[in-house]
């Protein structure tokens, strides 16, 4: 609630005290701030239009030529647009690839210049406790970041308890990265980012039965 309720001191003191963002050598520019600055241009707000409904989700530019990765359930085969920080107008996308069984979808947008893209990392060696950032478009309000850690790098969504997990031999697609950074409706399809600014996952599911999962 602190994030929602905080009122900036600059607003209270008056606009005359605001001189823009701190310089790169400011002590306030932490490694996390640098990662946000580096990746934010590549995080997309995704909106798909169905009959009588507007779906809202997130995505990430994974190639400068306009390829955007998101969840398949965000787009659901429907037309729509994406919004990027550095482009004032929304861009219509076309669907160029779908993997419903993994809940992944690849979109293509056409831009007059190369897009900022996020670097893809590897998730096979993620560590429990490793810091991560979750970036997305919760509630359709635009790009928001939250921070947390990897709670479990190999979480089995379909297993009811640890006894079953110990002997689990199902398909690899049943395994997920569990993290505790805040994630809400609209974050689906957004990137999970590691401490060096690489995308290591796509936000897909939230557990409503437990807190911060």
C-alpha atoms as a PDB file:
ATOM      1  CA  UNK A   1       0.000   0.000   0.000  1.00  0.00           C
ATOM      2  CA  UNK A   2       2.969   2.323   0.514  1.00  0.00           C
ATOM      3  CA  UNK A   3       3.568   2.513  -3.214  1.00  0.00           C
ATOM      4  CA  UNK A   4      -0.031   3.491  -3.889  1.00  0.00           C
ATOM      5  CA  UNK A   5      -0.297   6.041  -1.092  1.00  0.00           C
ATOM      6  CA  UNK A   6       3.059   7.823  -1.382  1.00  0.00           C
ATOM      7  CA  UNK A   7       2.941  11.444  -2.579  1.00  0.00           C
ATOM      8  CA  UNK A   8       6.147  12.774  -4.104  1.00  0.00           C
ATOM      9  CA  UNK A   9       7.864  15.522  -2.099  1.00  0.00           C
ATOM     10  CA  UNK A  10       8.572  17.348  -5.349  1.00  0.00           C
ATOM     11  CA  UNK A  11       4.830  17.749  -5.853  1.00  0.00           C
ATOM     12  CA  UNK A  12       4.387  19.128  -2.337  1.00  0.00           C
ATOM     13  CA  UNK A  13       7.312  21.538  -2.564  1.00  0.00           C
ATOM     14  CA  UNK A  14       6.433  22.762  -6.019  1.00  0.00           C
ATOM     15  CA  UNK A  15       7.486  22.064  -9.582  1.00  0.00           C
ATOM     16  CA  UNK A  16      10.388  24.484  -9.284  1.00  0.00           C
ATOM     17  CA  UNK A  17      12.359  21.963  -7.239  1.00  0.00           C
ATOM     18  CA  UNK A  18      12.178  19.246  -9.883  1.00  0.00           C
ATOM     19  CA  UNK A  19      15.182  19.134 -12.217  1.00  0.00           C
ATOM     20  CA  UNK A  20      14.647  15.776 -13.905  1.00  0.00           C
ATOM     21  CA  UNK A  21      15.926  12.279 -13.186  1.00  0.00           C
ATOM     22  CA  UNK A  22      19.110  11.870 -11.115  1.00  0.00           C
ATOM     23  CA  UNK A  23      22.345  11.524 -13.075  1.00  0.00           C
ATOM     24  CA  UNK A  24      23.961   8.125 -13.604  1.00  0.00           C
ATOM     25  CA  UNK A  25      26.529   8.791 -10.866  1.00  0.00           C
ATOM     26  CA  UNK A  26      23.864   9.452  -8.220  1.00  0.00           C
ATOM     27  CA  UNK A  27      23.843   7.029  -5.286  1.00  0.00           C
ATOM     28  CA  UNK A  28      20.108   6.612  -5.922  1.00  0.00           C
ATOM     29  CA  UNK A  29      20.811   5.012  -9.301  1.00  0.00           C
ATOM     30  CA  UNK A  30      21.119   1.459  -8.021  1.00  0.00           C
ATOM     31  CA  UNK A  31      21.724  -1.649 -10.139  1.00  0.00           C
ATOM     32  CA  UNK A  32      17.952  -2.228 -10.097  1.00  0.00           C
ATOM     33  CA  UNK A  33      17.295   1.272 -11.447  1.00  0.00           C
ATOM     34  CA  UNK A  34      19.830   0.660 -14.224  1.00  0.00           C
ATOM     35  CA  UNK A  35      18.112  -2.580 -15.198  1.00  0.00           C
ATOM     36  CA  UNK A  36      14.724  -0.836 -15.337  1.00  0.00           C
ATOM     37  CA  UNK A  37      16.163   1.944 -17.505  1.00  0.00           C
ATOM     38  CA  UNK A  38      17.790  -0.629 -19.769  1.00  0.00           C
ATOM     39  CA  UNK A  39      14.767  -2.873 -20.250  1.00  0.00           C
ATOM     40  CA  UNK A  40      11.744  -0.562 -20.049  1.00  0.00           C
ATOM     41  CA  UNK A  41      11.824   0.478 -23.749  1.00  0.00           C
ATOM     42  CA  UNK A  42      11.393  -3.200 -24.683  1.00  0.00           C
ATOM     43  CA  UNK A  43       8.411  -3.954 -22.419  1.00  0.00           C
ATOM     44  CA  UNK A  44       5.066  -3.801 -24.247  1.00  0.00           C
ATOM     45  CA  UNK A  45       1.506  -3.212 -23.126  1.00  0.00           C
ATOM     46  CA  UNK A  46      -0.634  -5.571 -25.227  1.00  0.00           C
ATOM     47  CA  UNK A  47      -4.322  -5.054 -25.991  1.00  0.00           C
ATOM     48  CA  UNK A  48      -6.392  -7.517 -28.033  1.00  0.00           C
ATOM     49  CA  UNK A  49      -9.944  -6.851 -29.150  1.00  0.00           C
ATOM     50  CA  UNK A  50     -12.597  -9.546 -29.045  1.00  0.00           C
ATOM     51  CA  UNK A  51     -16.342  -9.418 -29.472  1.00  0.00           C
ATOM     52  CA  UNK A  52     -17.537  -7.139 -26.702  1.00  0.00           C
ATOM     53  CA  UNK A  53     -14.318  -7.334 -24.705  1.00  0.00           C
ATOM     54  CA  UNK A  54     -10.829  -5.856 -24.485  1.00  0.00           C
ATOM     55  CA  UNK A  55      -8.064  -8.170 -23.296  1.00  0.00           C
ATOM     56  CA  UNK A  56      -5.114  -6.528 -21.549  1.00  0.00           C
ATOM     57  CA  UNK A  57      -1.706  -8.076 -21.089  1.00  0.00           C
ATOM     58  CA  UNK A  58       1.996  -7.600 -21.511  1.00  0.00           C
ATOM     59  CA  UNK A  59       4.831  -8.609 -23.785  1.00  0.00           C
ATOM     60  CA  UNK A  60       8.486  -8.021 -24.567  1.00  0.00           C
ATOM     61  CA  UNK A  61      10.312  -7.028 -27.727  1.00  0.00           C
ATOM     62  CA  UNK A  62      12.760  -9.875 -28.311  1.00  0.00           C
ATOM     63  CA  UNK A  63      14.154  -8.711 -31.674  1.00  0.00           C
ATOM     64  CA  UNK A  64      14.806  -5.253 -33.070  1.00  0.00           C
ATOM     65  CA  UNK A  65      12.817  -6.059 -36.226  1.00  0.00           C
ATOM     66  CA  UNK A  66       9.576  -5.916 -34.242  1.00  0.00           C
ATOM     67  CA  UNK A  67       9.067  -9.399 -32.805  1.00  0.00           C
ATOM     68  CA  UNK A  68       7.157  -9.382 -29.516  1.00  0.00           C
ATOM     69  CA  UNK A  69       6.795 -12.363 -27.169  1.00  0.00           C
ATOM     70  CA  UNK A  70       3.661 -12.731 -25.035  1.00  0.00           C
ATOM     71  CA  UNK A  71       1.243 -15.336 -23.666  1.00  0.00           C
ATOM     72  CA  UNK A  72      -1.088 -17.061 -26.092  1.00  0.00           C
ATOM     73  CA  UNK A  73      -4.049 -16.480 -23.775  1.00  0.00           C
ATOM     74  CA  UNK A  74      -3.422 -12.705 -23.830  1.00  0.00           C
ATOM     75  CA  UNK A  75      -3.940 -12.479 -27.579  1.00  0.00           C
ATOM     76  CA  UNK A  76      -6.188 -15.537 -28.000  1.00  0.00           C
ATOM     77  CA  UNK A  77      -5.879 -15.316 -31.789  1.00  0.00           C
ATOM     78  CA  UNK A  78      -7.461 -11.853 -31.840  1.00  0.00           C
ATOM     79  CA  UNK A  79      -6.310  -8.630 -33.530  1.00  0.00           C
ATOM     80  CA  UNK A  80      -4.976  -5.784 -31.429  1.00  0.00           C
ATOM     81  CA  UNK A  81      -2.205  -3.317 -30.701  1.00  0.00           C
ATOM     82  CA  UNK A  82       0.855  -2.850 -28.523  1.00  0.00           C
ATOM     83  CA  UNK A  83       2.157   0.244 -26.791  1.00  0.00           C
ATOM     84  CA  UNK A  84       5.852   0.947 -26.234  1.00  0.00           C
ATOM     85  CA  UNK A  85       7.340   3.713 -24.103  1.00  0.00           C
ATOM     86  CA  UNK A  86       9.242   5.407 -26.921  1.00  0.00           C
ATOM     87  CA  UNK A  87       6.383   5.393 -29.444  1.00  0.00           C
ATOM     88  CA  UNK A  88       3.442   7.733 -28.951  1.00  0.00           C
ATOM     89  CA  UNK A  89       0.979   5.851 -31.149  1.00  0.00           C
ATOM     90  CA  UNK A  90      -0.137   2.230 -30.711  1.00  0.00           C
ATOM     91  CA  UNK A  91       1.150  -0.284 -33.256  1.00  0.00           C
ATOM     92  CA  UNK A  92      -1.033  -2.980 -34.745  1.00  0.00           C
ATOM     93  CA  UNK A  93       0.410  -6.472 -34.526  1.00  0.00           C
ATOM     94  CA  UNK A  94       0.123  -9.598 -36.607  1.00  0.00           C
ATOM     95  CA  UNK A  95       0.361 -13.063 -35.098  1.00  0.00           C
ATOM     96  CA  UNK A  96       3.305 -14.935 -36.608  1.00  0.00           C
ATOM     97  CA  UNK A  97       3.552 -17.914 -34.266  1.00  0.00           C
ATOM     98  CA  UNK A  98       1.544 -19.686 -31.562  1.00  0.00           C
ATOM     99  CA  UNK A  99       2.345 -22.424 -29.049  1.00  0.00           C
ATOM    100  CA  UNK A 100      -0.896 -22.833 -27.071  1.00  0.00           C
ATOM    101  CA  UNK A 101       0.470 -25.864 -25.221  1.00  0.00           C
ATOM    102  CA  UNK A 102       3.167 -23.628 -23.691  1.00  0.00           C
ATOM    103  CA  UNK A 103       0.949 -20.522 -23.591  1.00  0.00           C
ATOM    104  CA  UNK A 104       3.338 -18.596 -25.852  1.00  0.00           C
ATOM    105  CA  UNK A 105       2.652 -16.365 -28.823  1.00  0.00           C
ATOM    106  CA  UNK A 106       4.965 -14.392 -31.116  1.00  0.00           C
ATOM    107  CA  UNK A 107       3.715 -11.114 -32.564  1.00  0.00           C
ATOM    108  CA  UNK A 108       5.166  -8.868 -35.274  1.00  0.00           C
ATOM    109  CA  UNK A 109       4.823  -5.103 -35.452  1.00  0.00           C
ATOM    110  CA  UNK A 110       6.116  -2.821 -38.179  1.00  0.00           C
ATOM    111  CA  UNK A 111       8.201   0.147 -37.117  1.00  0.00           C
ATOM    112  CA  UNK A 112      10.058   2.728 -39.228  1.00  0.00           C
ATOM    113  CA  UNK A 113      13.171   2.142 -37.110  1.00  0.00           C
ATOM    114  CA  UNK A 114      14.661  -0.758 -35.138  1.00  0.00           C
ATOM    115  CA  UNK A 115      13.036  -1.369 -31.771  1.00  0.00           C
ATOM    116  CA  UNK A 116      14.828  -1.678 -28.457  1.00  0.00           C
ATOM    117  CA  UNK A 117      14.903  -5.386 -27.604  1.00  0.00           C
ATOM    118  CA  UNK A 118      15.487  -7.246 -24.364  1.00  0.00           C
ATOM    119  CA  UNK A 119      18.277  -9.803 -24.212  1.00  0.00           C
ATOM    120  CA  UNK A 120      17.141 -13.374 -23.641  1.00  0.00           C
ATOM    121  CA  UNK A 121      18.872 -15.322 -20.878  1.00  0.00           C
ATOM    122  CA  UNK A 122      18.671 -18.909 -19.675  1.00  0.00           C
ATOM    123  CA  UNK A 123      16.425 -20.227 -16.939  1.00  0.00           C
ATOM    124  CA  UNK A 124      17.963 -23.678 -16.455  1.00  0.00           C
ATOM    125  CA  UNK A 125      20.428 -22.465 -13.818  1.00  0.00           C
ATOM    126  CA  UNK A 126      18.241 -20.024 -11.875  1.00  0.00           C
ATOM    127  CA  UNK A 127      18.931 -20.084  -8.145  1.00  0.00           C
ATOM    128  CA  UNK A 128      16.474 -19.953  -5.264  1.00  0.00           C
ATOM    129  CA  UNK A 129      16.821 -16.488  -3.734  1.00  0.00           C
ATOM    130  CA  UNK A 130      18.114 -14.892  -6.937  1.00  0.00           C
ATOM    131  CA  UNK A 131      16.674 -11.366  -7.396  1.00  0.00           C
ATOM    132  CA  UNK A 132      14.236 -10.834 -10.260  1.00  0.00           C
ATOM    133  CA  UNK A 133      12.075  -8.052 -11.660  1.00  0.00           C
ATOM    134  CA  UNK A 134       8.575  -8.511 -13.038  1.00  0.00           C
ATOM    135  CA  UNK A 135       7.563  -5.983 -15.699  1.00  0.00           C
ATOM    136  CA  UNK A 136       4.114  -5.632 -17.206  1.00  0.00           C
ATOM    137  CA  UNK A 137       0.849  -3.854 -17.759  1.00  0.00           C
ATOM    138  CA  UNK A 138      -1.311  -4.642 -14.692  1.00  0.00           C
ATOM    139  CA  UNK A 139      -4.889  -3.490 -15.085  1.00  0.00           C
ATOM    140  CA  UNK A 140      -4.025  -2.016 -18.478  1.00  0.00           C
ATOM    141  CA  UNK A 141      -2.484   1.048 -16.799  1.00  0.00           C
ATOM    142  CA  UNK A 142       0.875   0.907 -18.558  1.00  0.00           C
ATOM    143  CA  UNK A 143       4.244  -0.539 -17.673  1.00  0.00           C
ATOM    144  CA  UNK A 144       4.931  -1.178 -13.983  1.00  0.00           C
ATOM    145  CA  UNK A 145       7.892  -2.931 -12.352  1.00  0.00           C
ATOM    146  CA  UNK A 146       7.957  -4.994  -9.168  1.00  0.00           C
ATOM    147  CA  UNK A 147      10.889  -6.693  -7.459  1.00  0.00           C
ATOM    148  CA  UNK A 148      11.279 -10.009  -5.702  1.00  0.00           C
ATOM    149  CA  UNK A 149      13.253 -13.226  -5.625  1.00  0.00           C
ATOM    150  CA  UNK A 150      13.049 -16.641  -7.226  1.00  0.00           C
ATOM    151  CA  UNK A 151      11.086 -18.666  -4.675  1.00  0.00           C
ATOM    152  CA  UNK A 152      11.492 -21.918  -6.591  1.00  0.00           C
ATOM    153  CA  UNK A 153      13.243 -22.283  -9.958  1.00  0.00           C
ATOM    154  CA  UNK A 154      11.475 -25.561 -10.721  1.00  0.00           C
ATOM    155  CA  UNK A 155       7.926 -25.291  -9.404  1.00  0.00           C
ATOM    156  CA  UNK A 156       5.467 -27.977 -10.542  1.00  0.00           C
ATOM    157  CA  UNK A 157       2.085 -26.338 -10.877  1.00  0.00           C
ATOM    158  CA  UNK A 158       0.130 -29.582 -11.187  1.00  0.00           C
ATOM    159  CA  UNK A 159       1.667 -31.308  -8.152  1.00  0.00           C
ATOM    160  CA  UNK A 160      -0.454 -31.069  -4.968  1.00  0.00           C
ATOM    161  CA  UNK A 161       2.424 -31.471  -2.511  1.00  0.00           C
ATOM    162  CA  UNK A 162       6.156 -32.064  -2.052  1.00  0.00           C
ATOM    163  CA  UNK A 163       5.735 -35.854  -1.931  1.00  0.00           C
ATOM    164  CA  UNK A 164       4.324 -35.848  -5.440  1.00  0.00           C
ATOM    165  CA  UNK A 165       7.004 -33.399  -6.615  1.00  0.00           C
ATOM    166  CA  UNK A 166       9.764 -35.723  -5.394  1.00  0.00           C
ATOM    167  CA  UNK A 167       8.634 -38.478  -7.756  1.00  0.00           C
ATOM    168  CA  UNK A 168       7.261 -36.283 -10.532  1.00  0.00           C
ATOM    169  CA  UNK A 169       8.204 -37.403 -14.043  1.00  0.00           C
ATOM    170  CA  UNK A 170       5.793 -35.372 -16.163  1.00  0.00           C
ATOM    171  CA  UNK A 171       6.479 -33.163 -19.135  1.00  0.00           C
ATOM    172  CA  UNK A 172       8.894 -30.254 -18.670  1.00  0.00           C
ATOM    173  CA  UNK A 173       6.145 -27.802 -19.628  1.00  0.00           C
ATOM    174  CA  UNK A 174       4.459 -28.553 -16.299  1.00  0.00           C
ATOM    175  CA  UNK A 175       7.373 -26.869 -14.523  1.00  0.00           C
ATOM    176  CA  UNK A 176       7.364 -23.152 -13.748  1.00  0.00           C
ATOM    177  CA  UNK A 177       9.517 -20.505 -12.080  1.00  0.00           C
ATOM    178  CA  UNK A 178       7.882 -19.413  -8.839  1.00  0.00           C
ATOM    179  CA  UNK A 179       8.701 -15.848  -7.732  1.00  0.00           C
ATOM    180  CA  UNK A 180       7.313 -13.445  -5.156  1.00  0.00           C
ATOM    181  CA  UNK A 181       7.377 -10.115  -7.032  1.00  0.00           C
ATOM    182  CA  UNK A 182       3.898  -8.595  -7.259  1.00  0.00           C
ATOM    183  CA  UNK A 183       2.036  -9.792 -10.353  1.00  0.00           C
ATOM    184  CA  UNK A 184      -1.579  -8.990 -11.162  1.00  0.00           C
ATOM    185  CA  UNK A 185      -4.118  -9.323 -13.954  1.00  0.00           C
ATOM    186  CA  UNK A 186      -2.511  -7.740 -16.994  1.00  0.00           C
ATOM    187  CA  UNK A 187       1.027  -8.868 -16.121  1.00  0.00           C
ATOM    188  CA  UNK A 188       0.512 -12.026 -18.186  1.00  0.00           C
ATOM    189  CA  UNK A 189       2.967 -12.185 -21.071  1.00  0.00           C
ATOM    190  CA  UNK A 190       5.433  -9.780 -19.508  1.00  0.00           C
ATOM    191  CA  UNK A 191       9.096 -10.557 -18.909  1.00  0.00           C
ATOM    192  CA  UNK A 192      10.681 -11.955 -15.773  1.00  0.00           C
ATOM    193  CA  UNK A 193      14.092 -10.278 -15.661  1.00  0.00           C
ATOM    194  CA  UNK A 194      17.237 -11.381 -13.834  1.00  0.00           C
ATOM    195  CA  UNK A 195      19.840  -9.246 -12.055  1.00  0.00           C
ATOM    196  CA  UNK A 196      21.803  -8.551 -15.236  1.00  0.00           C
ATOM    197  CA  UNK A 197      18.826  -7.425 -17.300  1.00  0.00           C
ATOM    198  CA  UNK A 198      18.098 -10.631 -19.202  1.00  0.00           C
ATOM    199  CA  UNK A 199      14.635 -12.083 -19.714  1.00  0.00           C
ATOM    200  CA  UNK A 200      14.536 -15.522 -18.121  1.00  0.00           C
ATOM    201  CA  UNK A 201      10.802 -16.200 -18.196  1.00  0.00           C
ATOM    202  CA  UNK A 202       7.349 -15.109 -19.313  1.00  0.00           C
ATOM    203  CA  UNK A 203       4.820 -14.308 -16.584  1.00  0.00           C
ATOM    204  CA  UNK A 204       1.939 -16.726 -17.042  1.00  0.00           C
ATOM    205  CA  UNK A 205       0.061 -17.784 -13.904  1.00  0.00           C
ATOM    206  CA  UNK A 206      -0.841 -16.412 -10.480  1.00  0.00           C
ATOM    207  CA  UNK A 207      -1.890 -18.467  -7.487  1.00  0.00           C
ATOM    208  CA  UNK A 208      -4.925 -16.868  -5.869  1.00  0.00           C
ATOM    209  CA  UNK A 209      -4.892 -19.450  -3.080  1.00  0.00           C
ATOM    210  CA  UNK A 210      -1.587 -18.184  -1.656  1.00  0.00           C
ATOM    211  CA  UNK A 211       0.034 -14.788  -1.103  1.00  0.00           C
ATOM    212  CA  UNK A 212       2.805 -13.488  -3.410  1.00  0.00           C
ATOM    213  CA  UNK A 213       2.813 -16.467  -5.766  1.00  0.00           C
END
